[in-house]
Amino acid sequence: MLGETAISDRPLRIEYCQVITIPKFAAQAIKKVAEIGWKPFHLLVRISNSVGSTLKPAGPEISEGIISTAFAKDPTDPQWMDDPAYRAWAAFVDKYYPNGDQMTTFTVVGHLFAQTLVEVLKQCGDDLTPENTMRQAANLHALQLGMLLAGITLNVAPSDFVPL
């Protein structure tokens, strides 16, 4: 009969958790998952994948095993400390954003956005009209930026404005 719902006597088991929210709420979700003893396949997407903004506030011990998606180098990951691109980024941030949060990927992403804009402006040459700026922004091919993970490049075309 339409409108009736069959209720099973078996408990519902959800084995997957994807967190799509800002870091503060992602940290709260991680804490709650640990508190109730749930052990799902746990994914953090880019907006909340920062160690400094999400995992440390949640607690490193309860964040273990969570998988995060990333396209940029995490400034808190020790593997990058001797990387020339990381060192250039850190020097830039020290000079131009000394009071900024260097423990978050948001600072890295902001820098990547700025580098992309610089490339678009270079491609514009002396023609800085809105039309040419949009044309150049829609023509980025295999743009490599230092703080992107190895093998990741930006590609934008007039028919595809999604760079990653």
N, C-alpha and C. Protein backbone atom coordinates (compact mmCIF):
# COMPACT_ATOMS: atom_id res chain seq x y z
N MET A 1 0.84 -1.17 0.00
CA MET A 1 0.00 0.00 0.00
C MET A 1 0.89 1.24 0.00
N LEU A 2 0.57 2.19 -0.84
CA LEU A 2 1.34 3.41 -0.96
C LEU A 2 1.32 4.19 0.35
N GLY A 3 2.49 4.65 0.78
CA GLY A 3 2.57 5.43 2.00
C GLY A 3 3.01 4.63 3.21
N GLU A 4 2.90 3.32 3.12
CA GLU A 4 3.36 2.50 4.25
C GLU A 4 4.86 2.26 4.12
N THR A 5 5.51 2.17 5.23
CA THR A 5 6.94 1.92 5.26
C THR A 5 7.21 0.62 5.98
N ALA A 6 7.96 -0.25 5.32
CA ALA A 6 8.35 -1.49 5.98
C ALA A 6 9.57 -1.20 6.83
N ILE A 7 9.53 -1.62 8.07
CA ILE A 7 10.66 -1.42 8.97
C ILE A 7 11.26 -2.77 9.27
N SER A 8 12.55 -2.87 8.98
CA SER A 8 13.25 -4.12 9.20
C SER A 8 13.59 -4.28 10.68
N ASP A 9 13.72 -5.51 11.12
CA ASP A 9 14.14 -5.74 12.49
C ASP A 9 15.67 -5.72 12.62
N ARG A 10 16.35 -5.56 11.47
CA ARG A 10 17.81 -5.46 11.50
C ARG A 10 18.22 -4.01 11.65
N PRO A 11 19.25 -3.73 12.44
CA PRO A 11 19.69 -2.34 12.60
C PRO A 11 20.34 -1.84 11.30
N LEU A 12 20.12 -0.58 11.01
CA LEU A 12 20.73 0.05 9.85
C LEU A 12 22.22 0.23 10.13
N ARG A 13 23.05 -0.21 9.19
CA ARG A 13 24.50 -0.07 9.36
C ARG A 13 25.06 0.76 8.22
N ILE A 14 25.54 1.92 8.54
CA ILE A 14 26.18 2.79 7.55
C ILE A 14 27.67 2.71 7.82
N GLU A 15 28.41 2.32 6.80
CA GLU A 15 29.85 2.09 6.98
C GLU A 15 30.70 3.17 6.31
N TYR A 16 30.09 4.25 5.89
CA TYR A 16 30.79 5.27 5.13
C TYR A 16 30.43 6.64 5.67
N CYS A 17 31.41 7.52 5.81
CA CYS A 17 31.15 8.87 6.27
C CYS A 17 31.99 9.83 5.43
N GLN A 18 31.33 10.74 4.75
CA GLN A 18 32.03 11.77 3.99
C GLN A 18 31.67 13.10 4.60
N VAL A 19 32.68 13.85 5.02
CA VAL A 19 32.45 15.13 5.68
C VAL A 19 32.65 16.25 4.66
N ILE A 20 31.56 16.97 4.39
CA ILE A 20 31.62 18.11 3.48
C ILE A 20 31.13 19.32 4.26
N THR A 21 32.05 19.95 4.94
CA THR A 21 31.70 21.12 5.75
C THR A 21 32.97 21.88 6.07
N ILE A 22 32.83 22.98 6.75
CA ILE A 22 33.99 23.78 7.13
C ILE A 22 34.73 23.08 8.28
N PRO A 23 36.01 23.43 8.47
CA PRO A 23 36.83 22.72 9.46
C PRO A 23 36.25 22.63 10.86
N LYS A 24 35.66 23.69 11.38
CA LYS A 24 35.13 23.65 12.74
C LYS A 24 34.11 22.52 12.90
N PHE A 25 33.19 22.41 11.96
CA PHE A 25 32.15 21.39 12.05
C PHE A 25 32.68 20.00 11.71
N ALA A 26 33.70 19.95 10.84
CA ALA A 26 34.34 18.67 10.53
C ALA A 26 35.02 18.12 11.79
N ALA A 27 35.71 18.99 12.53
CA ALA A 27 36.35 18.57 13.78
C ALA A 27 35.31 18.06 14.77
N GLN A 28 34.17 18.75 14.85
CA GLN A 28 33.10 18.31 15.75
C GLN A 28 32.56 16.94 15.32
N ALA A 29 32.41 16.74 14.01
CA ALA A 29 31.91 15.45 13.51
C ALA A 29 32.89 14.33 13.82
N ILE A 30 34.19 14.60 13.67
CA ILE A 30 35.21 13.59 13.97
C ILE A 30 35.15 13.21 15.45
N LYS A 31 35.01 14.21 16.31
CA LYS A 31 34.91 13.95 17.75
C LYS A 31 33.67 13.11 18.07
N LYS A 32 32.54 13.44 17.45
CA LYS A 32 31.30 12.72 17.73
C LYS A 32 31.38 11.28 17.23
N VAL A 33 31.96 11.08 16.06
CA VAL A 33 32.13 9.72 15.52
C VAL A 33 32.96 8.88 16.50
N ALA A 34 34.03 9.47 17.03
CA ALA A 34 34.87 8.75 18.00
C ALA A 34 34.12 8.50 19.30
N GLU A 35 33.37 9.49 19.74
CA GLU A 35 32.63 9.39 21.00
C GLU A 35 31.61 8.24 20.98
N ILE A 36 30.96 8.05 19.84
CA ILE A 36 29.95 6.99 19.77
C ILE A 36 30.54 5.65 19.33
N GLY A 37 31.85 5.65 19.05
CA GLY A 37 32.52 4.40 18.70
C GLY A 37 32.28 3.91 17.28
N TRP A 38 31.82 4.78 16.43
CA TRP A 38 31.57 4.41 15.03
C TRP A 38 32.90 4.38 14.29
N LYS A 39 33.13 3.38 13.47
CA LYS A 39 34.37 3.22 12.71
C LYS A 39 34.05 3.12 11.21
N PRO A 40 33.55 4.20 10.61
CA PRO A 40 33.22 4.14 9.19
C PRO A 40 34.45 4.35 8.32
N PHE A 41 34.28 4.12 7.03
CA PHE A 41 35.26 4.57 6.04
C PHE A 41 35.05 6.08 5.98
N HIS A 42 36.00 6.85 6.48
CA HIS A 42 35.81 8.27 6.75
C HIS A 42 36.63 9.12 5.78
N LEU A 43 35.96 9.91 4.96
CA LEU A 43 36.61 10.80 3.99
C LEU A 43 36.41 12.26 4.35
N LEU A 44 37.48 13.03 4.28
CA LEU A 44 37.39 14.48 4.42
C LEU A 44 37.70 15.09 3.05
N VAL A 45 36.81 15.93 2.56
CA VAL A 45 37.05 16.59 1.29
C VAL A 45 37.88 17.85 1.49
N ARG A 46 38.29 18.49 0.41
CA ARG A 46 39.25 19.58 0.45
C ARG A 46 38.90 20.69 1.43
N ILE A 47 37.68 21.07 1.54
CA ILE A 47 37.33 22.20 2.41
C ILE A 47 37.70 21.93 3.87
N SER A 48 37.74 20.66 4.26
CA SER A 48 38.01 20.34 5.67
C SER A 48 39.20 19.41 5.86
N ASN A 49 40.09 19.32 4.88
CA ASN A 49 41.18 18.35 4.97
C ASN A 49 42.45 18.88 5.61
N SER A 50 42.41 20.04 6.19
CA SER A 50 43.60 20.63 6.78
C SER A 50 43.94 20.00 8.13
N VAL A 51 45.20 19.62 8.28
CA VAL A 51 45.65 19.08 9.56
C VAL A 51 45.51 20.15 10.64
N GLY A 52 46.00 21.35 10.34
CA GLY A 52 45.98 22.42 11.33
C GLY A 52 44.59 22.93 11.68
N SER A 53 43.68 22.95 10.72
CA SER A 53 42.35 23.51 10.97
C SER A 53 41.31 22.50 11.40
N THR A 54 41.53 21.23 11.06
CA THR A 54 40.51 20.22 11.35
C THR A 54 41.03 19.09 12.25
N LEU A 55 42.08 18.43 11.81
CA LEU A 55 42.52 17.22 12.52
C LEU A 55 43.13 17.51 13.88
N LYS A 56 43.93 18.56 13.99
CA LYS A 56 44.50 18.90 15.31
C LYS A 56 43.42 19.31 16.30
N PRO A 57 42.47 20.20 15.91
CA PRO A 57 41.40 20.53 16.86
C PRO A 57 40.54 19.31 17.24
N ALA A 58 40.36 18.39 16.29
CA ALA A 58 39.57 17.19 16.61
C ALA A 58 40.33 16.28 17.55
N GLY A 59 41.64 16.26 17.41
CA GLY A 59 42.50 15.38 18.21
C GLY A 59 43.18 14.39 17.30
N PRO A 60 44.50 14.49 17.19
CA PRO A 60 45.23 13.59 16.29
C PRO A 60 44.98 12.10 16.58
N GLU A 61 44.83 11.76 17.86
CA GLU A 61 44.64 10.34 18.20
C GLU A 61 43.32 9.79 17.68
N ILE A 62 42.28 10.62 17.60
CA ILE A 62 41.00 10.12 17.08
C ILE A 62 40.86 10.36 15.58
N SER A 63 41.79 11.11 15.00
CA SER A 63 41.76 11.37 13.56
C SER A 63 42.49 10.30 12.76
N GLU A 64 43.17 9.42 13.44
CA GLU A 64 43.95 8.39 12.76
C GLU A 64 43.03 7.52 11.90
N GLY A 65 43.47 7.27 10.67
CA GLY A 65 42.71 6.41 9.77
C GLY A 65 41.76 7.16 8.85
N ILE A 66 41.55 8.44 9.10
CA ILE A 66 40.69 9.24 8.22
C ILE A 66 41.46 9.52 6.93
N ILE A 67 40.77 9.41 5.83
CA ILE A 67 41.39 9.67 4.52
C ILE A 67 40.95 11.05 4.06
N SER A 68 41.91 11.84 3.64
CA SER A 68 41.57 13.17 3.15
C SER A 68 41.96 13.29 1.68
N THR A 69 41.16 14.06 0.96
CA THR A 69 41.46 14.32 -0.44
C THR A 69 42.28 15.60 -0.50
N ALA A 70 43.22 15.65 -1.41
CA ALA A 70 44.06 16.85 -1.49
C ALA A 70 44.63 16.99 -2.89
N PHE A 71 44.86 18.24 -3.28
CA PHE A 71 45.55 18.52 -4.53
C PHE A 71 46.78 19.39 -4.27
N ALA A 72 46.91 19.89 -3.04
CA ALA A 72 48.02 20.77 -2.69
C ALA A 72 48.81 20.19 -1.53
N LYS A 73 50.03 20.64 -1.40
CA LYS A 73 50.90 20.21 -0.31
C LYS A 73 50.39 20.79 1.00
N ASP A 74 50.34 19.97 2.03
CA ASP A 74 49.89 20.42 3.34
C ASP A 74 51.08 21.04 4.06
N PRO A 75 50.96 22.30 4.48
CA PRO A 75 52.10 22.97 5.11
C PRO A 75 52.50 22.38 6.45
N THR A 76 51.69 21.49 7.02
CA THR A 76 52.05 20.88 8.30
C THR A 76 52.71 19.52 8.13
N ASP A 77 52.81 19.05 6.89
CA ASP A 77 53.38 17.73 6.63
C ASP A 77 54.90 17.83 6.53
N PRO A 78 55.63 17.17 7.43
CA PRO A 78 57.09 17.28 7.46
C PRO A 78 57.78 16.85 6.17
N GLN A 79 57.13 16.05 5.34
CA GLN A 79 57.79 15.60 4.11
C GLN A 79 58.10 16.75 3.16
N TRP A 80 57.43 17.90 3.31
CA TRP A 80 57.64 19.02 2.40
C TRP A 80 58.68 20.01 2.91
N MET A 81 59.16 19.89 4.11
CA MET A 81 60.01 20.92 4.72
C MET A 81 61.26 21.24 3.91
N ASP A 82 61.81 20.28 3.18
CA ASP A 82 63.00 20.54 2.36
C ASP A 82 62.67 20.73 0.89
N ASP A 83 61.40 20.71 0.54
CA ASP A 83 60.95 20.87 -0.84
C ASP A 83 61.15 22.33 -1.26
N PRO A 84 61.81 22.58 -2.41
CA PRO A 84 62.05 23.97 -2.83
C PRO A 84 60.76 24.80 -2.98
N ALA A 85 59.70 24.19 -3.47
CA ALA A 85 58.43 24.93 -3.63
C ALA A 85 57.85 25.29 -2.27
N TYR A 86 57.94 24.38 -1.32
CA TYR A 86 57.45 24.66 0.03
C TYR A 86 58.26 25.80 0.64
N ARG A 87 59.59 25.73 0.48
CA ARG A 87 60.44 26.77 1.05
C ARG A 87 60.14 28.14 0.45
N ALA A 88 59.89 28.18 -0.89
CA ALA A 88 59.53 29.44 -1.55
C ALA A 88 58.19 29.96 -1.02
N TRP A 89 57.23 29.06 -0.85
CA TRP A 89 55.92 29.45 -0.31
C TRP A 89 56.08 30.00 1.11
N ALA A 90 56.83 29.29 1.94
CA ALA A 90 57.02 29.71 3.33
C ALA A 90 57.71 31.08 3.40
N ALA A 91 58.70 31.31 2.54
CA ALA A 91 59.38 32.60 2.52
C ALA A 91 58.42 33.71 2.10
N PHE A 92 57.58 33.43 1.10
CA PHE A 92 56.58 34.39 0.65
C PHE A 92 55.62 34.73 1.79
N VAL A 93 55.11 33.71 2.46
CA VAL A 93 54.15 33.93 3.55
C VAL A 93 54.83 34.68 4.70
N ASP A 94 56.06 34.31 5.03
CA ASP A 94 56.79 35.01 6.10
C ASP A 94 56.91 36.50 5.78
N LYS A 95 57.17 36.82 4.52
CA LYS A 95 57.38 38.21 4.12
C LYS A 95 56.07 38.99 4.00
N TYR A 96 55.07 38.42 3.33
CA TYR A 96 53.87 39.17 3.00
C TYR A 96 52.65 38.89 3.87
N TYR A 97 52.71 37.84 4.68
CA TYR A 97 51.57 37.47 5.52
C TYR A 97 52.08 36.92 6.85
N PRO A 98 52.96 37.67 7.52
CA PRO A 98 53.64 37.15 8.71
C PRO A 98 52.71 36.76 9.87
N ASN A 99 51.54 37.38 9.97
CA ASN A 99 50.61 37.06 11.04
C ASN A 99 49.56 36.05 10.60
N GLY A 100 49.69 35.57 9.37
CA GLY A 100 48.71 34.62 8.84
C GLY A 100 48.92 33.22 9.39
N ASP A 101 47.91 32.39 9.23
CA ASP A 101 47.95 31.01 9.71
C ASP A 101 48.70 30.14 8.70
N GLN A 102 49.91 29.77 9.03
CA GLN A 102 50.71 28.94 8.14
C GLN A 102 50.47 27.45 8.37
N MET A 103 49.53 27.13 9.22
CA MET A 103 49.24 25.73 9.52
C MET A 103 47.99 25.23 8.77
N THR A 104 47.46 26.04 7.89
CA THR A 104 46.24 25.66 7.18
C THR A 104 46.47 25.60 5.68
N THR A 105 45.79 24.70 5.05
CA THR A 105 45.89 24.59 3.59
C THR A 105 45.22 25.78 2.91
N PHE A 106 44.37 26.52 3.62
CA PHE A 106 43.72 27.67 3.02
C PHE A 106 44.74 28.72 2.59
N THR A 107 45.80 28.88 3.36
CA THR A 107 46.86 29.82 3.00
C THR A 107 47.56 29.33 1.73
N VAL A 108 47.77 28.04 1.62
CA VAL A 108 48.38 27.46 0.42
C VAL A 108 47.46 27.69 -0.79
N VAL A 109 46.18 27.41 -0.63
CA VAL A 109 45.23 27.57 -1.74
C VAL A 109 45.15 29.04 -2.17
N GLY A 110 45.14 29.96 -1.23
CA GLY A 110 45.15 31.38 -1.58
C GLY A 110 46.35 31.74 -2.42
N HIS A 111 47.50 31.20 -2.05
CA HIS A 111 48.73 31.44 -2.81
C HIS A 111 48.61 30.84 -4.21
N LEU A 112 48.03 29.65 -4.32
CA LEU A 112 47.84 29.02 -5.64
C LEU A 112 46.90 29.87 -6.51
N PHE A 113 45.84 30.42 -5.91
CA PHE A 113 44.94 31.30 -6.65
C PHE A 113 45.70 32.51 -7.18
N ALA A 114 46.53 33.10 -6.31
CA ALA A 114 47.30 34.29 -6.71
C ALA A 114 48.28 33.94 -7.84
N GLN A 115 48.95 32.80 -7.74
CA GLN A 115 49.87 32.39 -8.81
C GLN A 115 49.13 32.18 -10.12
N THR A 116 47.94 31.64 -10.04
CA THR A 116 47.14 31.43 -11.25
C THR A 116 46.77 32.77 -11.88
N LEU A 117 46.38 33.73 -11.06
CA LEU A 117 46.05 35.06 -11.57
C LEU A 117 47.27 35.70 -12.23
N VAL A 118 48.44 35.55 -11.63
CA VAL A 118 49.66 36.09 -12.22
C VAL A 118 49.87 35.49 -13.62
N GLU A 119 49.67 34.19 -13.75
CA GLU A 119 49.83 33.54 -15.06
C GLU A 119 48.83 34.08 -16.07
N VAL A 120 47.59 34.27 -15.66
CA VAL A 120 46.57 34.83 -16.56
C VAL A 120 46.99 36.23 -17.01
N LEU A 121 47.46 37.05 -16.09
CA LEU A 121 47.87 38.42 -16.44
C LEU A 121 49.09 38.41 -17.36
N LYS A 122 50.00 37.48 -17.17
CA LYS A 122 51.15 37.36 -18.08
C LYS A 122 50.67 37.02 -19.49
N GLN A 123 49.72 36.09 -19.57
CA GLN A 123 49.19 35.70 -20.87
C GLN A 123 48.45 36.87 -21.54
N CYS A 124 47.90 37.78 -20.75
CA CYS A 124 47.19 38.94 -21.30
C CYS A 124 48.13 39.90 -22.02
N GLY A 125 49.39 39.93 -21.60
CA GLY A 125 50.31 40.90 -22.17
C GLY A 125 49.83 42.30 -21.88
N ASP A 126 49.85 43.15 -22.90
CA ASP A 126 49.41 44.54 -22.73
C ASP A 126 47.91 44.72 -22.90
N ASP A 127 47.20 43.67 -23.29
CA ASP A 127 45.75 43.75 -23.51
C ASP A 127 45.01 43.29 -22.26
N LEU A 128 44.76 44.24 -21.36
CA LEU A 128 44.12 43.92 -20.08
C LEU A 128 42.62 44.19 -20.08
N THR A 129 42.01 44.09 -21.25
CA THR A 129 40.56 44.28 -21.33
C THR A 129 39.87 43.10 -20.64
N PRO A 130 38.65 43.31 -20.16
CA PRO A 130 37.92 42.19 -19.54
C PRO A 130 37.77 41.00 -20.49
N GLU A 131 37.53 41.28 -21.77
CA GLU A 131 37.35 40.19 -22.74
C GLU A 131 38.62 39.35 -22.88
N ASN A 132 39.77 40.01 -23.00
CA ASN A 132 41.02 39.25 -23.15
C ASN A 132 41.39 38.54 -21.85
N THR A 133 41.12 39.19 -20.71
CA THR A 133 41.41 38.54 -19.43
C THR A 133 40.61 37.25 -19.30
N MET A 134 39.33 37.30 -19.65
CA MET A 134 38.50 36.08 -19.61
C MET A 134 38.99 35.04 -20.61
N ARG A 135 39.38 35.50 -21.79
CA ARG A 135 39.89 34.57 -22.82
C ARG A 135 41.16 33.86 -22.31
N GLN A 136 42.04 34.61 -21.68
CA GLN A 136 43.27 34.00 -21.16
C GLN A 136 42.99 33.09 -19.97
N ALA A 137 42.06 33.49 -19.11
CA ALA A 137 41.70 32.65 -17.96
C ALA A 137 41.08 31.33 -18.43
N ALA A 138 40.48 31.35 -19.60
CA ALA A 138 39.86 30.14 -20.15
C ALA A 138 40.83 29.35 -21.02
N ASN A 139 42.10 29.70 -20.96
CA ASN A 139 43.11 28.99 -21.76
C ASN A 139 44.38 28.76 -20.94
N LEU A 140 44.24 27.96 -19.92
CA LEU A 140 45.39 27.54 -19.12
C LEU A 140 45.62 26.06 -19.40
N HIS A 141 46.82 25.75 -19.83
CA HIS A 141 47.10 24.37 -20.23
C HIS A 141 48.31 23.82 -19.47
N ALA A 142 48.08 22.78 -18.70
CA ALA A 142 49.12 22.09 -17.95
C ALA A 142 49.95 23.06 -17.10
N LEU A 143 49.26 24.00 -16.45
CA LEU A 143 49.95 24.97 -15.59
C LEU A 143 50.40 24.27 -14.32
N GLN A 144 51.71 24.29 -14.10
CA GLN A 144 52.29 23.66 -12.92
C GLN A 144 52.61 24.74 -11.89
N LEU A 145 52.14 24.52 -10.68
CA LEU A 145 52.40 25.44 -9.58
C LEU A 145 53.07 24.66 -8.46
N GLY A 146 54.05 25.25 -7.84
CA GLY A 146 54.91 24.55 -6.89
C GLY A 146 54.22 23.85 -5.74
N MET A 147 53.15 24.42 -5.23
CA MET A 147 52.51 23.81 -4.06
C MET A 147 51.40 22.81 -4.43
N LEU A 148 51.25 22.54 -5.72
CA LEU A 148 50.36 21.45 -6.13
C LEU A 148 51.10 20.14 -5.95
N LEU A 149 50.39 19.09 -5.64
CA LEU A 149 51.03 17.78 -5.52
C LEU A 149 51.55 17.34 -6.88
N ALA A 150 52.55 16.48 -6.87
CA ALA A 150 53.19 16.00 -8.09
C ALA A 150 52.15 15.42 -9.05
N GLY A 151 52.26 15.81 -10.31
CA GLY A 151 51.37 15.29 -11.35
C GLY A 151 50.08 16.06 -11.51
N ILE A 152 49.82 17.01 -10.63
CA ILE A 152 48.58 17.79 -10.75
C ILE A 152 48.90 19.11 -11.43
N THR A 153 48.17 19.40 -12.49
CA THR A 153 48.32 20.65 -13.22
C THR A 153 46.94 21.28 -13.41
N LEU A 154 46.94 22.57 -13.68
CA LEU A 154 45.69 23.27 -13.95
C LEU A 154 45.44 23.29 -15.45
N ASN A 155 44.23 22.97 -15.84
CA ASN A 155 43.83 22.98 -17.24
C ASN A 155 42.44 23.59 -17.33
N VAL A 156 42.35 24.68 -18.07
CA VAL A 156 41.07 25.35 -18.27
C VAL A 156 40.93 25.61 -19.77
N ALA A 157 39.74 25.38 -20.27
CA ALA A 157 39.44 25.62 -21.68
C ALA A 157 38.10 26.34 -21.78
N PRO A 158 37.82 26.98 -22.90
CA PRO A 158 36.54 27.68 -23.04
C PRO A 158 35.33 26.78 -22.80
N SER A 159 35.49 25.49 -23.02
CA SER A 159 34.38 24.56 -22.79
C SER A 159 34.45 23.86 -21.44
N ASP A 160 35.48 24.15 -20.64
CA ASP A 160 35.65 23.49 -19.36
C ASP A 160 36.36 24.41 -18.39
N PHE A 161 35.61 25.04 -17.50
CA PHE A 161 36.17 26.01 -16.57
C PHE A 161 36.62 25.38 -15.25
N VAL A 162 36.63 24.07 -15.14
CA VAL A 162 37.05 23.41 -13.91
C VAL A 162 38.55 23.11 -14.05
N PRO A 163 39.41 23.78 -13.26
CA PRO A 163 40.85 23.66 -13.48
C PRO A 163 41.49 22.35 -13.02
N LEU A 164 40.88 21.64 -12.09
CA LEU A 164 41.49 20.41 -11.59
C LEU A 164 40.68 19.21 -12.00
